[in-house]
Amino acid sequence: PGPRDYPGPSPLSEPEAKALAEFTA
């Protein structure tokens, strides 16, 4: 983790990204 460029432990691990992906689908 840091200010930028850390992709996380796995795809869509973060609730914000997951919410946007699910809404898009």
mmCIF file of all heavy atoms, coordinates in Angstrom:
data_MODEL
# 
_entry.id   MODEL 
# 
loop_
_atom_site.group_PDB 
_atom_site.id 
_atom_site.type_symbol 
_atom_site.label_atom_id 
_atom_site.label_alt_id 
_atom_site.label_comp_id 
_atom_site.label_asym_id 
_atom_site.label_entity_id 
_atom_site.label_seq_id 
_atom_site.pdbx_PDB_ins_code 
_atom_site.Cartn_x 
_atom_site.Cartn_y 
_atom_site.Cartn_z 
_atom_site.occupancy 
_atom_site.B_iso_or_equiv 
_atom_site.pdbx_formal_charge 
_atom_site.auth_seq_id 
_atom_site.auth_comp_id 
_atom_site.auth_asym_id 
_atom_site.auth_atom_id 
_atom_site.pdbx_PDB_model_num 
ATOM 1   N N   . PRO A 1 1  ? 0.814   -1.219  0.000   1.00 0.00 ? 1  PRO A N   1 
ATOM 2   C CA  . PRO A 1 1  ? 0.000   0.000   0.000   1.00 0.00 ? 1  PRO A CA  1 
ATOM 3   C C   . PRO A 1 1  ? 0.848   1.270   0.000   1.00 0.00 ? 1  PRO A C   1 
ATOM 4   O O   . PRO A 1 1  ? 1.942   1.311   0.561   1.00 0.00 ? 1  PRO A O   1 
ATOM 5   C CB  . PRO A 1 1  ? -0.799  -0.126  1.295   1.00 0.00 ? 1  PRO A CB  1 
ATOM 6   C CG  . PRO A 1 1  ? -0.852  -1.591  1.575   1.00 0.00 ? 1  PRO A CG  1 
ATOM 7   C CD  . PRO A 1 1  ? 0.457   -2.129  1.105   1.00 0.00 ? 1  PRO A CD  1 
ATOM 8   N N   . GLY A 1 2  ? 0.307   2.305   -0.630  1.00 0.00 ? 2  GLY A N   1 
ATOM 9   C CA  . GLY A 1 2  ? 1.008   3.581   -0.703  1.00 0.00 ? 2  GLY A CA  1 
ATOM 10  C C   . GLY A 1 2  ? 0.160   4.616   -1.402  1.00 0.00 ? 2  GLY A C   1 
ATOM 11  O O   . GLY A 1 2  ? -1.020  4.380   -1.704  1.00 0.00 ? 2  GLY A O   1 
ATOM 12  N N   . PRO A 1 3  ? 0.732   5.777   -1.693  1.00 0.00 ? 3  PRO A N   1 
ATOM 13  C CA  . PRO A 1 3  ? -0.031  6.871   -2.297  1.00 0.00 ? 3  PRO A CA  1 
ATOM 14  C C   . PRO A 1 3  ? -0.555  6.554   -3.689  1.00 0.00 ? 3  PRO A C   1 
ATOM 15  O O   . PRO A 1 3  ? -1.561  7.122   -4.110  1.00 0.00 ? 3  PRO A O   1 
ATOM 16  C CB  . PRO A 1 3  ? 0.977   8.021   -2.349  1.00 0.00 ? 3  PRO A CB  1 
ATOM 17  C CG  . PRO A 1 3  ? 2.014   7.679   -1.337  1.00 0.00 ? 3  PRO A CG  1 
ATOM 18  C CD  . PRO A 1 3  ? 2.100   6.191   -1.336  1.00 0.00 ? 3  PRO A CD  1 
ATOM 19  N N   . ARG A 1 4  ? 0.122   5.659   -4.437  1.00 0.00 ? 4  ARG A N   1 
ATOM 20  C CA  . ARG A 1 4  ? -0.290  5.381   -5.809  1.00 0.00 ? 4  ARG A CA  1 
ATOM 21  C C   . ARG A 1 4  ? 0.313   4.060   -6.292  1.00 0.00 ? 4  ARG A C   1 
ATOM 22  O O   . ARG A 1 4  ? 1.266   3.546   -5.708  1.00 0.00 ? 4  ARG A O   1 
ATOM 23  C CB  . ARG A 1 4  ? 0.148   6.514   -6.747  1.00 0.00 ? 4  ARG A CB  1 
ATOM 24  C CG  . ARG A 1 4  ? 1.650   6.785   -6.711  1.00 0.00 ? 4  ARG A CG  1 
ATOM 25  C CD  . ARG A 1 4  ? 2.033   7.881   -7.690  1.00 0.00 ? 4  ARG A CD  1 
ATOM 26  N NE  . ARG A 1 4  ? 1.796   7.464   -9.061  1.00 0.00 ? 4  ARG A NE  1 
ATOM 27  C CZ  . ARG A 1 4  ? 1.735   8.305   -10.099 1.00 0.00 ? 4  ARG A CZ  1 
ATOM 28  N NH1 . ARG A 1 4  ? 1.873   9.608   -9.895  1.00 0.00 ? 4  ARG A NH1 1 
ATOM 29  N NH2 . ARG A 1 4  ? 1.531   7.853   -11.307 1.00 0.00 ? 4  ARG A NH2 1 
ATOM 30  N N   . ASP A 1 5  ? -0.286  3.520   -7.341  1.00 0.00 ? 5  ASP A N   1 
ATOM 31  C CA  . ASP A 1 5  ? 0.278   2.422   -8.139  1.00 0.00 ? 5  ASP A CA  1 
ATOM 32  C C   . ASP A 1 5  ? 0.263   1.049   -7.481  1.00 0.00 ? 5  ASP A C   1 
ATOM 33  O O   . ASP A 1 5  ? 0.772   0.092   -8.081  1.00 0.00 ? 5  ASP A O   1 
ATOM 34  C CB  . ASP A 1 5  ? 1.715   2.742   -8.569  1.00 0.00 ? 5  ASP A CB  1 
ATOM 35  C CG  . ASP A 1 5  ? 1.796   3.976   -9.465  1.00 0.00 ? 5  ASP A CG  1 
ATOM 36  O OD1 . ASP A 1 5  ? 0.758   4.349   -10.042 1.00 0.00 ? 5  ASP A OD1 1 
ATOM 37  O OD2 . ASP A 1 5  ? 2.894   4.570   -9.553  1.00 0.00 ? 5  ASP A OD2 1 
ATOM 38  N N   . TYR A 1 6  ? -0.317  0.881   -6.300  1.00 0.00 ? 6  TYR A N   1 
ATOM 39  C CA  . TYR A 1 6  ? -0.434  -0.461  -5.727  1.00 0.00 ? 6  TYR A CA  1 
ATOM 40  C C   . TYR A 1 6  ? -1.763  -1.061  -6.173  1.00 0.00 ? 6  TYR A C   1 
ATOM 41  O O   . TYR A 1 6  ? -2.827  -0.551  -5.817  1.00 0.00 ? 6  TYR A O   1 
ATOM 42  C CB  . TYR A 1 6  ? -0.361  -0.412  -4.210  1.00 0.00 ? 6  TYR A CB  1 
ATOM 43  C CG  . TYR A 1 6  ? -0.616  -1.752  -3.540  1.00 0.00 ? 6  TYR A CG  1 
ATOM 44  C CD1 . TYR A 1 6  ? 0.101   -2.891  -3.904  1.00 0.00 ? 6  TYR A CD1 1 
ATOM 45  C CD2 . TYR A 1 6  ? -1.582  -1.881  -2.542  1.00 0.00 ? 6  TYR A CD2 1 
ATOM 46  C CE1 . TYR A 1 6  ? -0.138  -4.120  -3.302  1.00 0.00 ? 6  TYR A CE1 1 
ATOM 47  C CE2 . TYR A 1 6  ? -1.826  -3.102  -1.923  1.00 0.00 ? 6  TYR A CE2 1 
ATOM 48  C CZ  . TYR A 1 6  ? -1.097  -4.212  -2.312  1.00 0.00 ? 6  TYR A CZ  1 
ATOM 49  O OH  . TYR A 1 6  ? -1.339  -5.442  -1.716  1.00 0.00 ? 6  TYR A OH  1 
ATOM 50  N N   . PRO A 1 7  ? -1.747  -2.141  -6.973  1.00 0.00 ? 7  PRO A N   1 
ATOM 51  C CA  . PRO A 1 7  ? -2.986  -2.700  -7.524  1.00 0.00 ? 7  PRO A CA  1 
ATOM 52  C C   . PRO A 1 7  ? -3.834  -3.475  -6.527  1.00 0.00 ? 7  PRO A C   1 
ATOM 53  O O   . PRO A 1 7  ? -4.924  -3.928  -6.877  1.00 0.00 ? 7  PRO A O   1 
ATOM 54  C CB  . PRO A 1 7  ? -2.489  -3.628  -8.641  1.00 0.00 ? 7  PRO A CB  1 
ATOM 55  C CG  . PRO A 1 7  ? -1.089  -3.204  -8.914  1.00 0.00 ? 7  PRO A CG  1 
ATOM 56  C CD  . PRO A 1 7  ? -0.565  -2.742  -7.586  1.00 0.00 ? 7  PRO A CD  1 
ATOM 57  N N   . GLY A 1 8  ? -3.340  -3.646  -5.302  1.00 0.00 ? 8  GLY A N   1 
ATOM 58  C CA  . GLY A 1 8  ? -4.093  -4.398  -4.308  1.00 0.00 ? 8  GLY A CA  1 
ATOM 59  C C   . GLY A 1 8  ? -3.712  -5.868  -4.296  1.00 0.00 ? 8  GLY A C   1 
ATOM 60  O O   . GLY A 1 8  ? -2.971  -6.348  -5.152  1.00 0.00 ? 8  GLY A O   1 
ATOM 61  N N   . PRO A 1 9  ? -4.234  -6.623  -3.334  1.00 0.00 ? 9  PRO A N   1 
ATOM 62  C CA  . PRO A 1 9  ? -3.885  -8.041  -3.221  1.00 0.00 ? 9  PRO A CA  1 
ATOM 63  C C   . PRO A 1 9  ? -4.530  -8.909  -4.290  1.00 0.00 ? 9  PRO A C   1 
ATOM 64  O O   . PRO A 1 9  ? -4.057  -10.014 -4.565  1.00 0.00 ? 9  PRO A O   1 
ATOM 65  C CB  . PRO A 1 9  ? -4.404  -8.419  -1.826  1.00 0.00 ? 9  PRO A CB  1 
ATOM 66  C CG  . PRO A 1 9  ? -5.518  -7.448  -1.566  1.00 0.00 ? 9  PRO A CG  1 
ATOM 67  C CD  . PRO A 1 9  ? -5.096  -6.166  -2.224  1.00 0.00 ? 9  PRO A CD  1 
ATOM 68  N N   . SER A 1 10 ? -5.611  -8.426  -4.906  1.00 0.00 ? 10 SER A N   1 
ATOM 69  C CA  . SER A 1 10 ? -6.307  -9.178  -5.946  1.00 0.00 ? 10 SER A CA  1 
ATOM 70  C C   . SER A 1 10 ? -7.231  -8.229  -6.690  1.00 0.00 ? 10 SER A C   1 
ATOM 71  O O   . SER A 1 10 ? -7.556  -7.146  -6.182  1.00 0.00 ? 10 SER A O   1 
ATOM 72  C CB  . SER A 1 10 ? -7.119  -10.334 -5.343  1.00 0.00 ? 10 SER A CB  1 
ATOM 73  O OG  . SER A 1 10 ? -8.106  -9.824  -4.462  1.00 0.00 ? 10 SER A OG  1 
ATOM 74  N N   . PRO A 1 11 ? -7.670  -8.596  -7.885  1.00 0.00 ? 11 PRO A N   1 
ATOM 75  C CA  . PRO A 1 11 ? -8.621  -7.734  -8.603  1.00 0.00 ? 11 PRO A CA  1 
ATOM 76  C C   . PRO A 1 11 ? -9.906  -7.541  -7.800  1.00 0.00 ? 11 PRO A C   1 
ATOM 77  O O   . PRO A 1 11 ? -10.403 -8.469  -7.161  1.00 0.00 ? 11 PRO A O   1 
ATOM 78  C CB  . PRO A 1 11 ? -8.892  -8.507  -9.899  1.00 0.00 ? 11 PRO A CB  1 
ATOM 79  C CG  . PRO A 1 11 ? -7.726  -9.413  -10.067 1.00 0.00 ? 11 PRO A CG  1 
ATOM 80  C CD  . PRO A 1 11 ? -7.304  -9.790  -8.677  1.00 0.00 ? 11 PRO A CD  1 
ATOM 81  N N   . LEU A 1 12 ? -10.395 -6.315  -7.809  1.00 0.00 ? 12 LEU A N   1 
ATOM 82  C CA  . LEU A 1 12 ? -11.665 -5.955  -7.155  1.00 0.00 ? 12 LEU A CA  1 
ATOM 83  C C   . LEU A 1 12 ? -11.660 -6.280  -5.664  1.00 0.00 ? 12 LEU A C   1 
ATOM 84  O O   . LEU A 1 12 ? -12.704 -6.585  -5.072  1.00 0.00 ? 12 LEU A O   1 
ATOM 85  C CB  . LEU A 1 12 ? -12.852 -6.639  -7.846  1.00 0.00 ? 12 LEU A CB  1 
ATOM 86  C CG  . LEU A 1 12 ? -13.015 -6.357  -9.350  1.00 0.00 ? 12 LEU A CG  1 
ATOM 87  C CD1 . LEU A 1 12 ? -14.261 -7.049  -9.885  1.00 0.00 ? 12 LEU A CD1 1 
ATOM 88  C CD2 . LEU A 1 12 ? -13.074 -4.874  -9.638  1.00 0.00 ? 12 LEU A CD2 1 
ATOM 89  N N   . SER A 1 13 ? -10.490 -6.207  -5.041  1.00 0.00 ? 13 SER A N   1 
ATOM 90  C CA  . SER A 1 13 ? -10.421 -6.419  -3.590  1.00 0.00 ? 13 SER A CA  1 
ATOM 91  C C   . SER A 1 13 ? -11.012 -5.250  -2.829  1.00 0.00 ? 13 SER A C   1 
ATOM 92  O O   . SER A 1 13 ? -11.433 -5.401  -1.673  1.00 0.00 ? 13 SER A O   1 
ATOM 93  C CB  . SER A 1 13 ? -8.962  -6.620  -3.157  1.00 0.00 ? 13 SER A CB  1 
ATOM 94  O OG  . SER A 1 13 ? -8.192  -5.443  -3.402  1.00 0.00 ? 13 SER A OG  1 
ATOM 95  N N   . GLU A 1 14 ? -11.080 -4.088  -3.453  1.00 0.00 ? 14 GLU A N   1 
ATOM 96  C CA  . GLU A 1 14 ? -11.553 -2.884  -2.762  1.00 0.00 ? 14 GLU A CA  1 
ATOM 97  C C   . GLU A 1 14 ? -13.030 -2.651  -3.043  1.00 0.00 ? 14 GLU A C   1 
ATOM 98  O O   . GLU A 1 14 ? -13.495 -2.800  -4.183  1.00 0.00 ? 14 GLU A O   1 
ATOM 99  C CB  . GLU A 1 14 ? -10.731 -1.675  -3.204  1.00 0.00 ? 14 GLU A CB  1 
ATOM 100 C CG  . GLU A 1 14 ? -9.242  -1.854  -2.977  1.00 0.00 ? 14 GLU A CG  1 
ATOM 101 C CD  . GLU A 1 14 ? -8.927  -2.326  -1.565  1.00 0.00 ? 14 GLU A CD  1 
ATOM 102 O OE1 . GLU A 1 14 ? -9.136  -1.541  -0.621  1.00 0.00 ? 14 GLU A OE1 1 
ATOM 103 O OE2 . GLU A 1 14 ? -8.468  -3.472  -1.404  1.00 0.00 ? 14 GLU A OE2 1 
ATOM 104 N N   . PRO A 1 15 ? -13.798 -2.277  -2.027  1.00 0.00 ? 15 PRO A N   1 
ATOM 105 C CA  . PRO A 1 15 ? -15.244 -2.149  -2.205  1.00 0.00 ? 15 PRO A CA  1 
ATOM 106 C C   . PRO A 1 15 ? -15.646 -1.104  -3.240  1.00 0.00 ? 15 PRO A C   1 
ATOM 107 O O   . PRO A 1 15 ? -16.686 -1.230  -3.890  1.00 0.00 ? 15 PRO A O   1 
ATOM 108 C CB  . PRO A 1 15 ? -15.749 -1.783  -0.806  1.00 0.00 ? 15 PRO A CB  1 
ATOM 109 C CG  . PRO A 1 15 ? -14.556 -1.222  -0.093  1.00 0.00 ? 15 PRO A CG  1 
ATOM 110 C CD  . PRO A 1 15 ? -13.376 -1.963  -0.648  1.00 0.00 ? 15 PRO A CD  1 
ATOM 111 N N   . GLU A 1 16 ? -14.824 -0.060  -3.398  1.00 0.00 ? 16 GLU A N   1 
ATOM 112 C CA  . GLU A 1 16 ? -15.163 0.989   -4.357  1.00 0.00 ? 16 GLU A CA  1 
ATOM 113 C C   . GLU A 1 16 ? -15.096 0.454   -5.789  1.00 0.00 ? 16 GLU A C   1 
ATOM 114 O O   . GLU A 1 16 ? -16.005 0.677   -6.606  1.00 0.00 ? 16 GLU A O   1 
ATOM 115 C CB  . GLU A 1 16 ? -14.212 2.181   -4.201  1.00 0.00 ? 16 GLU A CB  1 
ATOM 116 C CG  . GLU A 1 16 ? -14.239 2.833   -2.835  1.00 0.00 ? 16 GLU A CG  1 
ATOM 117 C CD  . GLU A 1 16 ? -13.203 2.276   -1.858  1.00 0.00 ? 16 GLU A CD  1 
ATOM 118 O OE1 . GLU A 1 16 ? -12.650 1.183   -2.142  1.00 0.00 ? 16 GLU A OE1 1 
ATOM 119 O OE2 . GLU A 1 16 ? -12.943 2.929   -0.836  1.00 0.00 ? 16 GLU A OE2 1 
ATOM 120 N N   . ALA A 1 17 ? -13.996 -0.266  -6.112  1.00 0.00 ? 17 ALA A N   1 
ATOM 121 C CA  . ALA A 1 17 ? -13.847 -0.840  -7.451  1.00 0.00 ? 17 ALA A CA  1 
ATOM 122 C C   . ALA A 1 17 ? -14.892 -1.924  -7.702  1.00 0.00 ? 17 ALA A C   1 
ATOM 123 O O   . ALA A 1 17 ? -15.472 -2.023  -8.791  1.00 0.00 ? 17 ALA A O   1 
ATOM 124 C CB  . ALA A 1 17 ? -12.441 -1.405  -7.624  1.00 0.00 ? 17 ALA A CB  1 
ATOM 125 N N   . LYS A 1 18 ? -15.142 -2.728  -6.688  1.00 0.00 ? 18 LYS A N   1 
ATOM 126 C CA  . LYS A 1 18 ? -16.125 -3.796  -6.827  1.00 0.00 ? 18 LYS A CA  1 
ATOM 127 C C   . LYS A 1 18 ? -17.518 -3.237  -7.083  1.00 0.00 ? 18 LYS A C   1 
ATOM 128 O O   . LYS A 1 18 ? -18.266 -3.751  -7.936  1.00 0.00 ? 18 LYS A O   1 
ATOM 129 C CB  . LYS A 1 18 ? -16.134 -4.663  -5.566  1.00 0.00 ? 18 LYS A CB  1 
ATOM 130 C CG  . LYS A 1 18 ? -17.060 -5.867  -5.653  1.00 0.00 ? 18 LYS A CG  1 
ATOM 131 C CD  . LYS A 1 18 ? -16.996 -6.712  -4.390  1.00 0.00 ? 18 LYS A CD  1 
ATOM 132 C CE  . LYS A 1 18 ? -17.923 -7.915  -4.482  1.00 0.00 ? 18 LYS A CE  1 
ATOM 133 N NZ  . LYS A 1 18 ? -17.905 -8.721  -3.235  1.00 0.00 ? 18 LYS A NZ  1 
ATOM 134 N N   . ALA A 1 19 ? -17.881 -2.172  -6.371  1.00 0.00 ? 19 ALA A N   1 
ATOM 135 C CA  . ALA A 1 19 ? -19.201 -1.564  -6.555  1.00 0.00 ? 19 ALA A CA  1 
ATOM 136 C C   . ALA A 1 19 ? -19.359 -1.040  -7.979  1.00 0.00 ? 19 ALA A C   1 
ATOM 137 O O   . ALA A 1 19 ? -20.410 -1.221  -8.609  1.00 0.00 ? 19 ALA A O   1 
ATOM 138 C CB  . ALA A 1 19 ? -19.399 -0.433  -5.544  1.00 0.00 ? 19 ALA A CB  1 
ATOM 139 N N   . LEU A 1 20 ? -18.314 -0.389  -8.499  1.00 0.00 ? 20 LEU A N   1 
ATOM 140 C CA  . LEU A 1 20 ? -18.391 0.168   -9.848  1.00 0.00 ? 20 LEU A CA  1 
ATOM 141 C C   . LEU A 1 20 ? -18.469 -0.948  -10.890 1.00 0.00 ? 20 LEU A C   1 
ATOM 142 O O   . LEU A 1 20 ? -19.234 -0.843  -11.864 1.00 0.00 ? 20 LEU A O   1 
ATOM 143 C CB  . LEU A 1 20 ? -17.187 1.062   -10.111 1.00 0.00 ? 20 LEU A CB  1 
ATOM 144 C CG  . LEU A 1 20 ? -17.180 1.826   -11.430 1.00 0.00 ? 20 LEU A CG  1 
ATOM 145 C CD1 . LEU A 1 20 ? -18.408 2.734   -11.549 1.00 0.00 ? 20 LEU A CD1 1 
ATOM 146 C CD2 . LEU A 1 20 ? -15.909 2.651   -11.579 1.00 0.00 ? 20 LEU A CD2 1 
ATOM 147 N N   . ALA A 1 21 ? -17.704 -2.009  -10.702 1.00 0.00 ? 21 ALA A N   1 
ATOM 148 C CA  . ALA A 1 21 ? -17.733 -3.123  -11.643 1.00 0.00 ? 21 ALA A CA  1 
ATOM 149 C C   . ALA A 1 21 ? -19.105 -3.813  -11.644 1.00 0.00 ? 21 ALA A C   1 
ATOM 150 O O   . ALA A 1 21 ? -19.653 -4.136  -12.709 1.00 0.00 ? 21 ALA A O   1 
ATOM 151 C CB  . ALA A 1 21 ? -16.636 -4.132  -11.302 1.00 0.00 ? 21 ALA A CB  1 
ATOM 152 N N   . GLU A 1 22 ? -19.656 -4.039  -10.472 1.00 0.00 ? 22 GLU A N   1 
ATOM 153 C CA  . GLU A 1 22 ? -20.965 -4.693  -10.380 1.00 0.00 ? 22 GLU A CA  1 
ATOM 154 C C   . GLU A 1 22 ? -22.062 -3.820  -10.968 1.00 0.00 ? 22 GLU A C   1 
ATOM 155 O O   . GLU A 1 22 ? -22.976 -4.318  -11.643 1.00 0.00 ? 22 GLU A O   1 
ATOM 156 C CB  . GLU A 1 22 ? -21.275 -5.034  -8.920  1.00 0.00 ? 22 GLU A CB  1 
ATOM 157 C CG  . GLU A 1 22 ? -20.399 -6.158  -8.366  1.00 0.00 ? 22 GLU A CG  1 
ATOM 158 C CD  . GLU A 1 22 ? -20.694 -6.466  -6.907  1.00 0.00 ? 22 GLU A CD  1 
ATOM 159 O OE1 . GLU A 1 22 ? -21.388 -5.650  -6.246  1.00 0.00 ? 22 GLU A OE1 1 
ATOM 160 O OE2 . GLU A 1 22 ? -20.229 -7.520  -6.424  1.00 0.00 ? 22 GLU A OE2 1 
ATOM 161 N N   . PHE A 1 23 ? -21.985 -2.521  -10.737 1.00 0.00 ? 23 PHE A N   1 
ATOM 162 C CA  . PHE A 1 23 ? -22.970 -1.600  -11.304 1.00 0.00 ? 23 PHE A CA  1 
ATOM 163 C C   . PHE A 1 23 ? -22.884 -1.603  -12.831 1.00 0.00 ? 23 PHE A C   1 
ATOM 164 O O   . PHE A 1 23 ? -23.904 -1.610  -13.528 1.00 0.00 ? 23 PHE A O   1 
ATOM 165 C CB  . PHE A 1 23 ? -22.717 -0.199  -10.749 1.00 0.00 ? 23 PHE A CB  1 
ATOM 166 C CG  . PHE A 1 23 ? -23.650 0.857   -11.272 1.00 0.00 ? 23 PHE A CG  1 
ATOM 167 C CD1 . PHE A 1 23 ? -25.011 0.790   -11.029 1.00 0.00 ? 23 PHE A CD1 1 
ATOM 168 C CD2 . PHE A 1 23 ? -23.163 1.934   -12.001 1.00 0.00 ? 23 PHE A CD2 1 
ATOM 169 C CE1 . PHE A 1 23 ? -25.871 1.777   -11.507 1.00 0.00 ? 23 PHE A CE1 1 
ATOM 170 C CE2 . PHE A 1 23 ? -24.003 2.922   -12.472 1.00 0.00 ? 23 PHE A CE2 1 
ATOM 171 C CZ  . PHE A 1 23 ? -25.363 2.837   -12.228 1.00 0.00 ? 23 PHE A CZ  1 
ATOM 172 N N   . THR A 1 24 ? -21.663 -1.617  -13.354 1.00 0.00 ? 24 THR A N   1 
ATOM 173 C CA  . THR A 1 24 ? -21.455 -1.637  -14.800 1.00 0.00 ? 24 THR A CA  1 
ATOM 174 C C   . THR A 1 24 ? -22.019 -2.911  -15.417 1.00 0.00 ? 24 THR A C   1 
ATOM 175 O O   . THR A 1 24 ? -22.694 -2.871  -16.455 1.00 0.00 ? 24 THR A O   1 
ATOM 176 C CB  . THR A 1 24 ? -19.951 -1.513  -15.118 1.00 0.00 ? 24 THR A CB  1 
ATOM 177 O OG1 . THR A 1 24 ? -19.453 -0.280  -14.567 1.00 0.00 ? 24 THR A OG1 1 
ATOM 178 C CG2 . THR A 1 24 ? -19.696 -1.532  -16.613 1.00 0.00 ? 24 THR A CG2 1 
ATOM 179 N N   . ALA A 1 25 ? -21.757 -4.039  -14.790 1.00 0.00 ? 25 ALA A N   1 
ATOM 180 C CA  . ALA A 1 25 ? -22.262 -5.315  -15.297 1.00 0.00 ? 25 ALA A CA  1 
ATOM 181 C C   . ALA A 1 25 ? -23.793 -5.363  -15.236 1.00 0.00 ? 25 ALA A C   1 
ATOM 182 O O   . ALA A 1 25 ? -24.451 -5.885  -16.138 1.00 0.00 ? 25 ALA A O   1 
ATOM 183 C CB  . ALA A 1 25 ? -21.663 -6.464  -14.491 1.00 0.00 ? 25 ALA A CB  1 
# 
